[in-house]
């Protein structure tokens, strides 16, 4: 039986010495996706007119929207980086549309959660004490009948989502202690998102592995 092919988006970075903008992906993602017995397929950021060809030629079974790069609408970074963020935003928003058109499951991680919320018309709020500040507990929403996740997760984000900031059709699955949404799904589209980074765990967490498998193998 052929393995599931999972596309994964990449961050954009300006090379410090050369006049180049680079597609970059943490190598830990390859180990994580391989641990699921899936095939990782890194996706370069391309112009919107090439996205349908990109998706069809690779024959994706699923998509992961990875972390890195703040959304341009909330970015407080210098103008050059903000422009780079806009390039990635445009790519990923068009990619989401194409994958939904082809009924390809989409799983967002950290920034990926944020861009999905933006895609569905939601908004973000600036939060403190979450970017690389260790770990925190998360709590399941009463409506959660899907998510099997750790009760303690890592944290690498500067922006969060309150219930009243969720996009259209999104249902919260988990919260942090301050009531920020840590995971959500869509009520009808094949969309799931989490705020923590499973690929950054020193030892991959079984609950994360089960969650990804359950979502992409269903």
N, C-alpha and C. Protein backbone atom coordinates (compact mmCIF):
# COMPACT_ATOMS: atom_id res chain seq x y z
N UNK A 1 0.85 -1.19 0.00
CA UNK A 1 0.00 0.00 0.00
C UNK A 1 0.89 1.25 0.00
N UNK A 2 0.57 2.22 -0.85
CA UNK A 2 1.39 3.42 -0.94
C UNK A 2 1.23 4.27 0.32
N UNK A 3 2.30 4.98 0.65
CA UNK A 3 2.28 5.84 1.82
C UNK A 3 1.56 7.15 1.53
N UNK A 4 1.07 7.74 2.60
CA UNK A 4 0.40 9.03 2.51
C UNK A 4 1.43 10.13 2.27
N UNK A 5 1.18 10.98 1.28
CA UNK A 5 2.09 12.07 0.93
C UNK A 5 1.58 13.37 1.56
N UNK A 6 2.37 13.93 2.46
CA UNK A 6 1.97 15.14 3.18
C UNK A 6 2.83 16.32 2.73
N UNK A 7 2.20 17.29 2.11
CA UNK A 7 2.90 18.52 1.77
C UNK A 7 3.06 19.38 3.01
N UNK A 8 4.17 20.10 3.10
CA UNK A 8 4.39 20.98 4.24
C UNK A 8 4.97 22.30 3.75
N UNK A 9 4.37 23.39 4.19
CA UNK A 9 4.81 24.70 3.76
C UNK A 9 6.11 25.10 4.47
N UNK A 10 6.78 26.09 3.90
CA UNK A 10 8.08 26.52 4.42
C UNK A 10 8.07 28.01 4.73
N UNK A 11 8.88 28.39 5.72
CA UNK A 11 9.04 29.81 6.02
C UNK A 11 9.93 30.47 4.98
N UNK A 12 9.83 31.78 4.87
CA UNK A 12 10.68 32.57 3.99
C UNK A 12 11.65 33.39 4.83
N UNK A 13 12.92 33.38 4.44
CA UNK A 13 13.94 34.13 5.16
C UNK A 13 14.87 34.83 4.18
N UNK A 14 15.30 36.04 4.53
CA UNK A 14 16.28 36.77 3.73
C UNK A 14 17.68 36.32 4.14
N UNK A 15 18.48 35.94 3.16
CA UNK A 15 19.85 35.53 3.45
C UNK A 15 20.63 36.73 3.98
N UNK A 16 21.40 36.55 5.07
CA UNK A 16 22.09 37.70 5.68
C UNK A 16 23.20 38.31 4.82
N UNK A 17 23.72 37.56 3.85
CA UNK A 17 24.83 38.07 3.03
C UNK A 17 24.47 38.29 1.57
N UNK A 18 23.57 37.47 1.05
CA UNK A 18 23.26 37.52 -0.37
C UNK A 18 21.86 38.09 -0.58
N UNK A 19 21.63 38.60 -1.76
CA UNK A 19 20.32 39.15 -2.09
C UNK A 19 19.39 38.02 -2.51
N UNK A 20 19.06 37.16 -1.54
CA UNK A 20 18.23 35.99 -1.79
C UNK A 20 17.17 35.83 -0.71
N UNK A 21 15.99 35.43 -1.11
CA UNK A 21 14.94 35.02 -0.17
C UNK A 21 14.83 33.51 -0.25
N UNK A 22 14.94 32.84 0.88
CA UNK A 22 15.05 31.39 0.91
C UNK A 22 13.80 30.72 1.48
N UNK A 23 13.43 29.59 0.86
CA UNK A 23 12.47 28.68 1.48
C UNK A 23 13.21 27.86 2.52
N UNK A 24 12.68 27.79 3.76
CA UNK A 24 13.37 27.08 4.84
C UNK A 24 12.39 26.21 5.62
N UNK A 25 12.87 25.02 6.00
CA UNK A 25 12.06 24.11 6.81
C UNK A 25 12.94 23.42 7.83
N UNK A 26 12.54 23.48 9.08
CA UNK A 26 13.26 22.82 10.17
C UNK A 26 13.38 21.33 9.85
N UNK A 27 14.60 20.79 9.92
CA UNK A 27 14.80 19.38 9.57
C UNK A 27 14.07 18.44 10.52
N UNK A 28 13.69 18.94 11.70
CA UNK A 28 12.94 18.09 12.62
C UNK A 28 11.58 17.70 12.04
N UNK A 29 11.05 18.50 11.10
CA UNK A 29 9.79 18.12 10.47
C UNK A 29 9.91 16.81 9.69
N UNK A 30 11.04 16.59 9.05
CA UNK A 30 11.22 15.35 8.29
C UNK A 30 11.20 14.14 9.21
N UNK A 31 11.88 14.25 10.35
CA UNK A 31 11.87 13.15 11.31
C UNK A 31 10.47 12.90 11.84
N UNK A 32 9.76 13.99 12.13
CA UNK A 32 8.42 13.83 12.70
C UNK A 32 7.47 13.17 11.70
N UNK A 33 7.43 13.66 10.48
CA UNK A 33 6.50 13.10 9.49
C UNK A 33 6.88 11.67 9.13
N UNK A 34 8.18 11.39 9.06
CA UNK A 34 8.61 10.01 8.83
C UNK A 34 8.22 9.09 9.97
N UNK A 35 8.19 9.62 11.20
CA UNK A 35 7.78 8.81 12.35
C UNK A 35 6.32 8.40 12.25
N UNK A 36 5.54 9.14 11.47
CA UNK A 36 4.13 8.80 11.24
C UNK A 36 3.97 7.77 10.13
N UNK A 37 5.08 7.43 9.48
CA UNK A 37 5.09 6.55 8.31
C UNK A 37 4.43 7.22 7.11
N UNK A 38 4.52 8.56 7.06
CA UNK A 38 4.07 9.34 5.91
C UNK A 38 5.30 9.79 5.12
N UNK A 39 5.07 10.31 3.93
CA UNK A 39 6.13 10.87 3.11
C UNK A 39 6.06 12.40 3.19
N UNK A 40 7.11 13.06 3.72
CA UNK A 40 7.10 14.52 3.78
C UNK A 40 7.48 15.13 2.43
N UNK A 41 6.70 16.11 1.99
CA UNK A 41 6.95 16.79 0.71
C UNK A 41 7.01 18.29 0.96
N UNK A 42 8.21 18.88 1.07
CA UNK A 42 8.31 20.33 1.30
C UNK A 42 7.80 21.11 0.09
N UNK A 43 7.01 22.13 0.35
CA UNK A 43 6.39 22.91 -0.72
C UNK A 43 7.03 24.30 -0.79
N UNK A 44 7.63 24.66 -1.91
CA UNK A 44 8.16 26.01 -2.04
C UNK A 44 7.04 27.03 -2.21
N UNK A 45 7.27 28.22 -1.69
CA UNK A 45 6.32 29.31 -1.90
C UNK A 45 6.37 29.73 -3.37
N UNK A 46 5.24 29.64 -4.05
CA UNK A 46 5.17 30.00 -5.46
C UNK A 46 4.03 31.01 -5.67
N UNK A 47 4.01 31.62 -6.84
CA UNK A 47 2.93 32.55 -7.16
C UNK A 47 1.60 31.79 -7.27
N UNK A 48 0.53 32.52 -7.03
CA UNK A 48 -0.80 31.90 -6.96
C UNK A 48 -1.16 31.14 -8.23
N UNK A 49 -0.71 31.63 -9.39
CA UNK A 49 -1.10 30.99 -10.65
C UNK A 49 -0.47 29.61 -10.83
N UNK A 50 0.54 29.27 -10.01
CA UNK A 50 1.20 27.98 -10.14
C UNK A 50 0.71 26.96 -9.11
N UNK A 51 -0.17 27.37 -8.21
CA UNK A 51 -0.51 26.51 -7.07
C UNK A 51 -1.29 25.27 -7.50
N UNK A 52 -2.27 25.41 -8.38
CA UNK A 52 -3.06 24.26 -8.81
C UNK A 52 -2.15 23.19 -9.42
N UNK A 53 -1.22 23.62 -10.27
CA UNK A 53 -0.27 22.69 -10.87
C UNK A 53 0.62 22.04 -9.81
N UNK A 54 1.05 22.85 -8.84
CA UNK A 54 1.90 22.32 -7.77
C UNK A 54 1.17 21.22 -7.00
N UNK A 55 -0.05 21.47 -6.60
CA UNK A 55 -0.82 20.49 -5.81
C UNK A 55 -1.10 19.24 -6.63
N UNK A 56 -1.54 19.41 -7.87
CA UNK A 56 -1.91 18.26 -8.70
C UNK A 56 -0.71 17.40 -9.08
N UNK A 57 0.42 18.04 -9.39
CA UNK A 57 1.58 17.27 -9.84
C UNK A 57 2.18 16.43 -8.72
N UNK A 58 2.05 16.89 -7.49
CA UNK A 58 2.60 16.15 -6.36
C UNK A 58 1.63 15.10 -5.84
N UNK A 59 0.35 15.25 -6.17
CA UNK A 59 -0.69 14.31 -5.72
C UNK A 59 -0.71 14.20 -4.20
N UNK A 60 -0.93 15.32 -3.55
CA UNK A 60 -0.92 15.36 -2.09
C UNK A 60 -2.13 14.65 -1.49
N UNK A 61 -1.89 13.98 -0.37
CA UNK A 61 -2.97 13.39 0.42
C UNK A 61 -3.33 14.26 1.61
N UNK A 62 -2.47 15.21 1.94
CA UNK A 62 -2.71 16.09 3.07
C UNK A 62 -1.73 17.25 3.03
N UNK A 63 -2.04 18.27 3.83
CA UNK A 63 -1.21 19.47 3.89
C UNK A 63 -0.99 19.87 5.33
N UNK A 64 0.27 20.21 5.67
CA UNK A 64 0.59 20.82 6.95
C UNK A 64 1.05 22.25 6.68
N UNK A 65 0.41 23.21 7.34
CA UNK A 65 0.85 24.59 7.32
C UNK A 65 1.77 24.78 8.51
N UNK A 66 3.06 24.98 8.26
CA UNK A 66 4.05 25.00 9.33
C UNK A 66 4.15 26.38 9.98
N UNK A 67 5.05 26.49 10.97
CA UNK A 67 5.22 27.73 11.72
C UNK A 67 6.20 28.69 11.07
N UNK A 68 6.56 29.75 11.80
CA UNK A 68 7.49 30.77 11.31
C UNK A 68 6.77 31.87 10.57
N UNK A 69 7.39 33.08 10.49
CA UNK A 69 6.83 34.25 9.80
C UNK A 69 5.48 34.67 10.40
N UNK A 70 5.47 35.80 11.08
CA UNK A 70 4.19 36.35 11.53
C UNK A 70 3.33 36.73 10.34
N UNK A 71 2.02 36.68 10.51
CA UNK A 71 1.13 37.15 9.46
C UNK A 71 1.38 38.63 9.22
N UNK A 72 1.37 39.04 7.96
CA UNK A 72 1.70 40.43 7.63
C UNK A 72 0.70 41.41 8.24
N UNK A 73 -0.53 41.00 8.43
CA UNK A 73 -1.55 41.92 8.95
C UNK A 73 -1.29 42.31 10.41
N UNK A 74 -0.52 41.51 11.13
CA UNK A 74 -0.24 41.82 12.53
C UNK A 74 1.24 42.03 12.80
N UNK A 75 2.09 41.80 11.80
CA UNK A 75 3.53 41.84 12.00
C UNK A 75 4.00 43.22 12.45
N UNK A 76 4.89 43.23 13.44
CA UNK A 76 5.51 44.47 13.89
C UNK A 76 6.99 44.50 13.49
N UNK A 77 7.35 43.66 12.54
CA UNK A 77 8.73 43.57 12.10
C UNK A 77 9.04 44.68 11.10
N UNK A 78 10.33 44.86 10.84
CA UNK A 78 10.73 45.90 9.89
C UNK A 78 10.13 45.65 8.52
N UNK A 79 10.09 46.67 7.68
CA UNK A 79 9.32 46.62 6.45
C UNK A 79 9.74 45.50 5.51
N UNK A 80 11.05 45.22 5.41
CA UNK A 80 11.50 44.17 4.50
C UNK A 80 10.94 42.83 4.91
N UNK A 81 11.01 42.49 6.20
CA UNK A 81 10.47 41.23 6.66
C UNK A 81 8.95 41.20 6.52
N UNK A 82 8.30 42.32 6.75
CA UNK A 82 6.85 42.39 6.57
C UNK A 82 6.48 42.07 5.13
N UNK A 83 7.27 42.56 4.17
CA UNK A 83 7.02 42.26 2.76
C UNK A 83 7.21 40.77 2.48
N UNK A 84 8.22 40.16 3.10
CA UNK A 84 8.44 38.73 2.95
C UNK A 84 7.25 37.96 3.51
N UNK A 85 6.75 38.41 4.66
CA UNK A 85 5.58 37.77 5.26
C UNK A 85 4.38 37.82 4.31
N UNK A 86 4.21 38.95 3.61
CA UNK A 86 3.10 39.08 2.68
C UNK A 86 3.19 38.04 1.56
N UNK A 87 4.40 37.76 1.09
CA UNK A 87 4.58 36.76 0.05
C UNK A 87 4.09 35.39 0.52
N UNK A 88 4.48 35.04 1.75
CA UNK A 88 4.05 33.74 2.27
C UNK A 88 2.56 33.72 2.54
N UNK A 89 2.03 34.81 3.08
CA UNK A 89 0.59 34.87 3.34
C UNK A 89 -0.20 34.63 2.05
N UNK A 90 0.19 35.32 0.98
CA UNK A 90 -0.53 35.19 -0.29
C UNK A 90 -0.48 33.75 -0.79
N UNK A 91 0.70 33.14 -0.69
CA UNK A 91 0.85 31.76 -1.13
C UNK A 91 -0.04 30.82 -0.33
N UNK A 92 0.04 30.91 1.00
CA UNK A 92 -0.68 29.95 1.82
C UNK A 92 -2.20 30.14 1.74
N UNK A 93 -2.67 31.36 1.64
CA UNK A 93 -4.11 31.58 1.52
C UNK A 93 -4.63 30.97 0.21
N UNK A 94 -3.88 31.13 -0.88
CA UNK A 94 -4.28 30.51 -2.15
C UNK A 94 -4.17 28.99 -2.09
N UNK A 95 -3.14 28.51 -1.39
CA UNK A 95 -2.94 27.06 -1.25
C UNK A 95 -4.09 26.44 -0.46
N UNK A 96 -4.53 27.11 0.60
CA UNK A 96 -5.68 26.62 1.38
C UNK A 96 -6.90 26.50 0.47
N UNK A 97 -7.17 27.52 -0.32
CA UNK A 97 -8.32 27.49 -1.23
C UNK A 97 -8.24 26.31 -2.18
N UNK A 98 -7.06 26.08 -2.76
CA UNK A 98 -6.89 24.99 -3.71
C UNK A 98 -7.09 23.64 -3.04
N UNK A 99 -6.53 23.45 -1.86
CA UNK A 99 -6.66 22.17 -1.16
C UNK A 99 -8.11 21.91 -0.75
N UNK A 100 -8.81 22.94 -0.31
CA UNK A 100 -10.22 22.75 0.04
C UNK A 100 -11.03 22.39 -1.21
N UNK A 101 -10.70 23.00 -2.33
CA UNK A 101 -11.39 22.69 -3.59
C UNK A 101 -11.21 21.22 -3.95
N UNK A 102 -10.04 20.66 -3.61
CA UNK A 102 -9.74 19.27 -3.94
C UNK A 102 -9.97 18.33 -2.76
N UNK A 103 -10.57 18.86 -1.67
CA UNK A 103 -10.89 18.07 -0.48
C UNK A 103 -9.65 17.42 0.13
N UNK A 104 -8.54 18.15 0.15
CA UNK A 104 -7.30 17.68 0.76
C UNK A 104 -7.27 18.16 2.21
N UNK A 105 -7.11 17.27 3.18
CA UNK A 105 -7.10 17.68 4.60
C UNK A 105 -5.95 18.64 4.90
N UNK A 106 -6.24 19.64 5.74
CA UNK A 106 -5.26 20.67 6.09
C UNK A 106 -5.10 20.71 7.60
N UNK A 107 -3.85 20.63 8.05
CA UNK A 107 -3.55 20.73 9.48
C UNK A 107 -2.58 21.89 9.70
N UNK A 108 -2.98 22.88 10.48
CA UNK A 108 -2.16 24.03 10.76
C UNK A 108 -1.44 23.90 12.09
N UNK A 109 -0.17 24.34 12.11
CA UNK A 109 0.64 24.31 13.33
C UNK A 109 1.14 25.72 13.62
N UNK A 110 0.78 26.26 14.77
CA UNK A 110 1.20 27.59 15.24
C UNK A 110 0.81 28.66 14.23
N UNK A 111 1.75 29.18 13.44
CA UNK A 111 1.37 30.14 12.39
C UNK A 111 0.29 29.54 11.50
N UNK A 112 0.39 28.22 11.24
CA UNK A 112 -0.61 27.56 10.42
C UNK A 112 -2.01 27.70 10.99
N UNK A 113 -2.14 27.60 12.31
CA UNK A 113 -3.43 27.83 12.97
C UNK A 113 -3.88 29.27 12.74
N UNK A 114 -2.94 30.20 12.87
CA UNK A 114 -3.27 31.61 12.73
C UNK A 114 -3.72 31.95 11.32
N UNK A 115 -3.04 31.40 10.30
CA UNK A 115 -3.41 31.73 8.94
C UNK A 115 -4.75 31.08 8.56
N UNK A 116 -5.04 29.92 9.11
CA UNK A 116 -6.36 29.31 8.88
C UNK A 116 -7.47 30.16 9.51
N UNK A 117 -7.22 30.64 10.71
CA UNK A 117 -8.20 31.51 11.35
C UNK A 117 -8.43 32.77 10.51
N UNK A 118 -7.35 33.33 9.98
CA UNK A 118 -7.45 34.50 9.10
C UNK A 118 -8.22 34.15 7.83
N UNK A 119 -7.96 32.99 7.25
CA UNK A 119 -8.64 32.56 6.02
C UNK A 119 -10.15 32.53 6.22
N UNK A 120 -10.59 32.11 7.40
CA UNK A 120 -12.03 32.00 7.68
C UNK A 120 -12.62 33.27 8.29
N UNK A 121 -11.86 34.36 8.25
CA UNK A 121 -12.39 35.65 8.68
C UNK A 121 -12.16 35.98 10.13
N UNK A 122 -11.31 35.24 10.83
CA UNK A 122 -11.03 35.50 12.23
C UNK A 122 -9.93 36.53 12.41
N UNK A 123 -9.59 36.81 13.68
CA UNK A 123 -8.56 37.80 13.99
C UNK A 123 -7.66 37.28 15.11
N UNK A 124 -6.59 38.01 15.40
CA UNK A 124 -5.60 37.62 16.39
C UNK A 124 -5.43 38.71 17.44
N UNK A 125 -4.89 38.32 18.58
CA UNK A 125 -4.56 39.29 19.62
C UNK A 125 -3.13 39.07 20.08
N UNK A 126 -2.40 40.13 20.36
CA UNK A 126 -1.02 40.02 20.85
C UNK A 126 -1.04 39.49 22.27
N UNK A 127 -0.19 38.47 22.56
CA UNK A 127 -0.12 37.92 23.90
C UNK A 127 1.35 37.87 24.33
N UNK A 128 1.58 37.79 25.64
CA UNK A 128 2.93 37.76 26.19
C UNK A 128 3.18 36.44 26.91
N UNK A 129 4.45 36.08 27.01
CA UNK A 129 4.84 34.92 27.79
C UNK A 129 4.66 33.58 27.12
N UNK A 130 4.50 33.57 25.79
CA UNK A 130 4.28 32.30 25.08
C UNK A 130 5.38 31.96 24.08
N UNK A 131 6.17 32.93 23.67
CA UNK A 131 7.17 32.69 22.63
C UNK A 131 8.45 32.13 23.24
N UNK A 132 8.63 30.82 23.16
CA UNK A 132 9.83 30.19 23.67
C UNK A 132 9.97 30.26 25.18
N UNK A 133 8.85 30.33 25.89
CA UNK A 133 8.87 30.48 27.35
C UNK A 133 8.55 29.18 28.07
N UNK A 134 8.95 28.07 27.49
CA UNK A 134 8.73 26.80 28.18
C UNK A 134 7.43 26.14 27.80
N UNK A 135 6.74 25.57 28.78
CA UNK A 135 5.56 24.75 28.53
C UNK A 135 4.38 25.26 29.33
N UNK A 136 3.18 24.83 28.93
CA UNK A 136 1.99 25.17 29.70
C UNK A 136 0.92 24.10 29.49
N UNK A 137 -0.04 24.10 30.37
CA UNK A 137 -1.14 23.13 30.29
C UNK A 137 -2.19 23.62 29.31
N UNK A 138 -2.88 22.67 28.68
CA UNK A 138 -4.05 23.00 27.88
C UNK A 138 -5.23 22.17 28.36
N UNK A 139 -6.42 22.67 28.08
CA UNK A 139 -7.64 22.07 28.60
C UNK A 139 -8.63 21.86 27.47
N UNK A 140 -9.23 20.68 27.44
CA UNK A 140 -10.15 20.34 26.37
C UNK A 140 -11.46 21.13 26.47
N UNK A 141 -11.98 21.54 25.33
CA UNK A 141 -13.29 22.16 25.29
C UNK A 141 -14.36 21.10 25.53
N UNK A 142 -15.47 21.51 26.08
CA UNK A 142 -16.53 20.55 26.39
C UNK A 142 -17.08 19.90 25.13
N UNK A 143 -16.97 20.59 23.98
CA UNK A 143 -17.49 20.06 22.72
C UNK A 143 -16.50 19.13 22.02
N UNK A 144 -15.32 18.94 22.59
CA UNK A 144 -14.26 18.19 21.92
C UNK A 144 -14.52 16.68 21.95
N UNK A 145 -14.83 16.13 20.80
CA UNK A 145 -15.03 14.69 20.67
C UNK A 145 -14.01 14.08 19.70
N UNK A 146 -13.02 14.87 19.33
CA UNK A 146 -12.08 14.44 18.28
C UNK A 146 -10.65 14.40 18.76
N UNK A 147 -10.23 15.40 19.51
CA UNK A 147 -8.82 15.64 19.75
C UNK A 147 -8.26 14.81 20.89
N UNK A 148 -7.25 14.04 20.58
CA UNK A 148 -6.44 13.35 21.59
C UNK A 148 -5.10 14.07 21.61
N UNK A 149 -4.83 14.83 22.66
CA UNK A 149 -3.63 15.65 22.65
C UNK A 149 -2.97 15.65 24.02
N UNK A 150 -1.72 16.10 24.09
CA UNK A 150 -1.05 16.19 25.39
C UNK A 150 -1.76 17.20 26.28
N UNK A 151 -1.64 17.03 27.58
CA UNK A 151 -2.21 18.04 28.48
C UNK A 151 -1.18 19.10 28.83
N UNK A 152 0.05 18.95 28.33
CA UNK A 152 1.11 19.92 28.56
C UNK A 152 1.91 20.06 27.26
N UNK A 153 2.03 21.29 26.75
CA UNK A 153 2.59 21.48 25.42
C UNK A 153 3.65 22.59 25.42
N UNK A 154 4.46 22.63 24.35
CA UNK A 154 5.42 23.71 24.19
C UNK A 154 4.72 24.96 23.66
N UNK A 155 5.46 26.06 23.59
CA UNK A 155 4.82 27.33 23.24
C UNK A 155 5.82 28.24 22.55
N UNK A 156 5.49 28.68 21.31
CA UNK A 156 6.40 29.51 20.53
C UNK A 156 5.66 30.60 19.76
N UNK A 157 4.59 31.15 20.31
CA UNK A 157 3.81 32.11 19.55
C UNK A 157 3.65 33.45 20.29
N UNK A 158 3.53 34.51 19.50
CA UNK A 158 3.32 35.87 20.04
C UNK A 158 1.88 36.34 19.90
N UNK A 159 1.08 35.58 19.16
CA UNK A 159 -0.31 35.97 18.93
C UNK A 159 -1.23 34.82 19.29
N UNK A 160 -2.38 35.16 19.88
CA UNK A 160 -3.36 34.16 20.27
C UNK A 160 -4.73 34.50 19.73
N UNK A 161 -5.69 33.63 20.04
CA UNK A 161 -7.06 33.78 19.55
C UNK A 161 -8.03 33.58 20.72
N UNK A 162 -8.91 34.54 20.92
CA UNK A 162 -10.00 34.38 21.87
C UNK A 162 -11.22 33.78 21.16
N UNK A 163 -12.17 33.27 21.94
CA UNK A 163 -13.36 32.66 21.34
C UNK A 163 -14.04 33.59 20.34
N UNK A 164 -14.14 34.88 20.71
CA UNK A 164 -14.85 35.83 19.83
C UNK A 164 -14.03 36.25 18.62
N UNK A 165 -12.81 35.70 18.49
CA UNK A 165 -11.97 36.00 17.33
C UNK A 165 -11.88 34.83 16.36
N UNK A 166 -12.55 33.73 16.66
CA UNK A 166 -12.52 32.57 15.77
C UNK A 166 -13.23 32.87 14.46
N UNK A 167 -12.68 32.34 13.37
CA UNK A 167 -13.27 32.53 12.06
C UNK A 167 -14.56 31.75 11.88
N UNK A 168 -15.24 32.00 10.79
CA UNK A 168 -16.53 31.38 10.49
C UNK A 168 -16.40 29.86 10.35
N UNK A 169 -17.23 29.13 11.07
CA UNK A 169 -17.25 27.68 10.96
C UNK A 169 -16.22 26.96 11.81
N UNK A 170 -15.39 27.70 12.55
CA UNK A 170 -14.36 27.07 13.37
C UNK A 170 -14.88 26.77 14.77
N UNK A 171 -14.53 25.59 15.27
CA UNK A 171 -15.00 25.15 16.58
C UNK A 171 -13.79 24.90 17.49
N UNK A 172 -13.73 25.54 18.67
CA UNK A 172 -12.59 25.35 19.56
C UNK A 172 -12.52 23.94 20.13
N UNK A 173 -11.30 23.42 20.22
CA UNK A 173 -11.09 22.08 20.77
C UNK A 173 -10.30 22.09 22.06
N UNK A 174 -9.47 23.12 22.27
CA UNK A 174 -8.65 23.19 23.48
C UNK A 174 -8.28 24.64 23.76
N UNK A 175 -8.04 24.95 25.04
CA UNK A 175 -7.68 26.30 25.48
C UNK A 175 -6.46 26.26 26.39
N UNK A 176 -5.78 27.42 26.54
CA UNK A 176 -4.81 27.54 27.61
C UNK A 176 -5.51 28.09 28.84
N UNK A 177 -4.78 28.32 29.91
CA UNK A 177 -5.39 28.72 31.18
C UNK A 177 -6.02 30.11 31.11
N UNK A 178 -5.58 30.92 30.14
CA UNK A 178 -6.12 32.28 29.98
C UNK A 178 -7.29 32.34 29.01
N UNK A 179 -7.70 31.19 28.50
CA UNK A 179 -8.85 31.15 27.60
C UNK A 179 -8.54 31.36 26.14
N UNK A 180 -7.25 31.38 25.77
CA UNK A 180 -6.88 31.48 24.35
C UNK A 180 -7.04 30.10 23.69
N UNK A 181 -7.53 30.11 22.47
CA UNK A 181 -7.76 28.87 21.74
C UNK A 181 -6.43 28.23 21.37
N UNK A 182 -6.23 26.97 21.77
CA UNK A 182 -5.00 26.23 21.47
C UNK A 182 -5.18 25.22 20.35
N UNK A 183 -6.42 24.92 20.02
CA UNK A 183 -6.70 23.99 18.91
C UNK A 183 -8.13 24.22 18.44
N UNK A 184 -8.35 24.04 17.15
CA UNK A 184 -9.71 24.12 16.62
C UNK A 184 -9.84 23.22 15.40
N UNK A 185 -11.09 22.96 15.01
CA UNK A 185 -11.39 22.27 13.76
C UNK A 185 -12.48 23.04 13.06
N UNK A 186 -12.72 22.71 11.80
CA UNK A 186 -13.83 23.31 11.07
C UNK A 186 -15.02 22.37 11.13
N UNK A 187 -16.20 22.92 11.18
CA UNK A 187 -17.39 22.09 11.36
C UNK A 187 -17.74 21.28 10.11
N UNK A 188 -17.25 21.69 8.93
CA UNK A 188 -17.56 20.92 7.72
C UNK A 188 -16.35 20.69 6.82
N UNK A 189 -15.39 21.60 6.79
CA UNK A 189 -14.19 21.42 5.96
C UNK A 189 -13.18 20.51 6.66
N UNK A 190 -12.31 19.81 5.91
CA UNK A 190 -11.30 18.93 6.51
C UNK A 190 -10.12 19.75 7.04
N UNK A 191 -10.35 20.46 8.13
CA UNK A 191 -9.38 21.40 8.69
C UNK A 191 -9.24 21.17 10.19
N UNK A 192 -7.99 21.09 10.63
CA UNK A 192 -7.64 20.97 12.05
C UNK A 192 -6.43 21.85 12.29
N UNK A 193 -6.32 22.46 13.48
CA UNK A 193 -5.16 23.31 13.77
C UNK A 193 -4.81 23.24 15.24
N UNK A 194 -3.50 23.30 15.51
CA UNK A 194 -2.99 23.29 16.88
C UNK A 194 -1.95 24.41 17.02
N UNK A 195 -1.79 24.94 18.23
CA UNK A 195 -0.88 26.05 18.44
C UNK A 195 0.54 25.60 18.81
N UNK A 196 0.70 24.39 19.31
CA UNK A 196 2.02 23.93 19.72
C UNK A 196 2.76 23.26 18.56
N UNK A 197 4.06 22.97 18.79
CA UNK A 197 4.92 22.40 17.74
C UNK A 197 5.30 20.95 18.09
N UNK A 198 4.64 19.96 17.53
CA UNK A 198 4.98 18.56 17.84
C UNK A 198 6.37 18.17 17.37
N UNK A 199 6.86 18.82 16.30
CA UNK A 199 8.16 18.47 15.74
C UNK A 199 9.32 18.96 16.61
N UNK A 200 9.07 19.85 17.56
CA UNK A 200 10.12 20.41 18.39
C UNK A 200 10.30 19.67 19.72
N UNK A 201 9.52 18.62 19.94
CA UNK A 201 9.68 17.83 21.16
C UNK A 201 10.95 16.99 21.06
N UNK A 202 11.69 16.90 22.16
CA UNK A 202 12.92 16.10 22.18
C UNK A 202 12.60 14.64 21.86
N UNK A 203 11.51 14.15 22.43
CA UNK A 203 10.97 12.83 22.09
C UNK A 203 9.54 13.06 21.63
N UNK A 204 9.21 12.63 20.43
CA UNK A 204 7.88 12.88 19.90
C UNK A 204 6.82 12.29 20.82
N UNK A 205 5.73 13.05 20.99
CA UNK A 205 4.68 12.71 21.95
C UNK A 205 3.64 11.81 21.29
N UNK A 206 3.29 10.73 21.95
CA UNK A 206 2.38 9.75 21.37
C UNK A 206 1.02 10.36 21.05
N UNK A 207 0.52 11.25 21.90
CA UNK A 207 -0.78 11.87 21.64
C UNK A 207 -0.75 12.70 20.36
N UNK A 208 0.37 13.38 20.11
CA UNK A 208 0.49 14.13 18.85
C UNK A 208 0.50 13.20 17.65
N UNK A 209 1.25 12.12 17.75
CA UNK A 209 1.33 11.15 16.66
C UNK A 209 -0.05 10.57 16.37
N UNK A 210 -0.78 10.20 17.40
CA UNK A 210 -2.13 9.65 17.22
C UNK A 210 -3.06 10.67 16.58
N UNK A 211 -2.93 11.93 16.98
CA UNK A 211 -3.77 12.98 16.42
C UNK A 211 -3.52 13.15 14.93
N UNK A 212 -2.27 13.25 14.53
CA UNK A 212 -1.94 13.42 13.11
C UNK A 212 -2.39 12.21 12.29
N UNK A 213 -2.16 11.03 12.80
CA UNK A 213 -2.57 9.82 12.07
C UNK A 213 -4.08 9.76 11.93
N UNK A 214 -4.77 10.07 13.00
CA UNK A 214 -6.23 10.00 12.97
C UNK A 214 -6.79 10.99 11.96
N UNK A 215 -6.16 12.16 11.89
CA UNK A 215 -6.66 13.19 10.99
C UNK A 215 -6.38 12.85 9.53
N UNK A 216 -5.17 12.46 9.22
CA UNK A 216 -4.78 12.24 7.83
C UNK A 216 -5.17 10.87 7.29
N UNK A 217 -5.41 9.90 8.16
CA UNK A 217 -5.75 8.55 7.69
C UNK A 217 -7.25 8.30 7.64
N UNK A 218 -8.05 9.27 8.09
CA UNK A 218 -9.49 9.01 8.14
C UNK A 218 -10.09 9.00 6.73
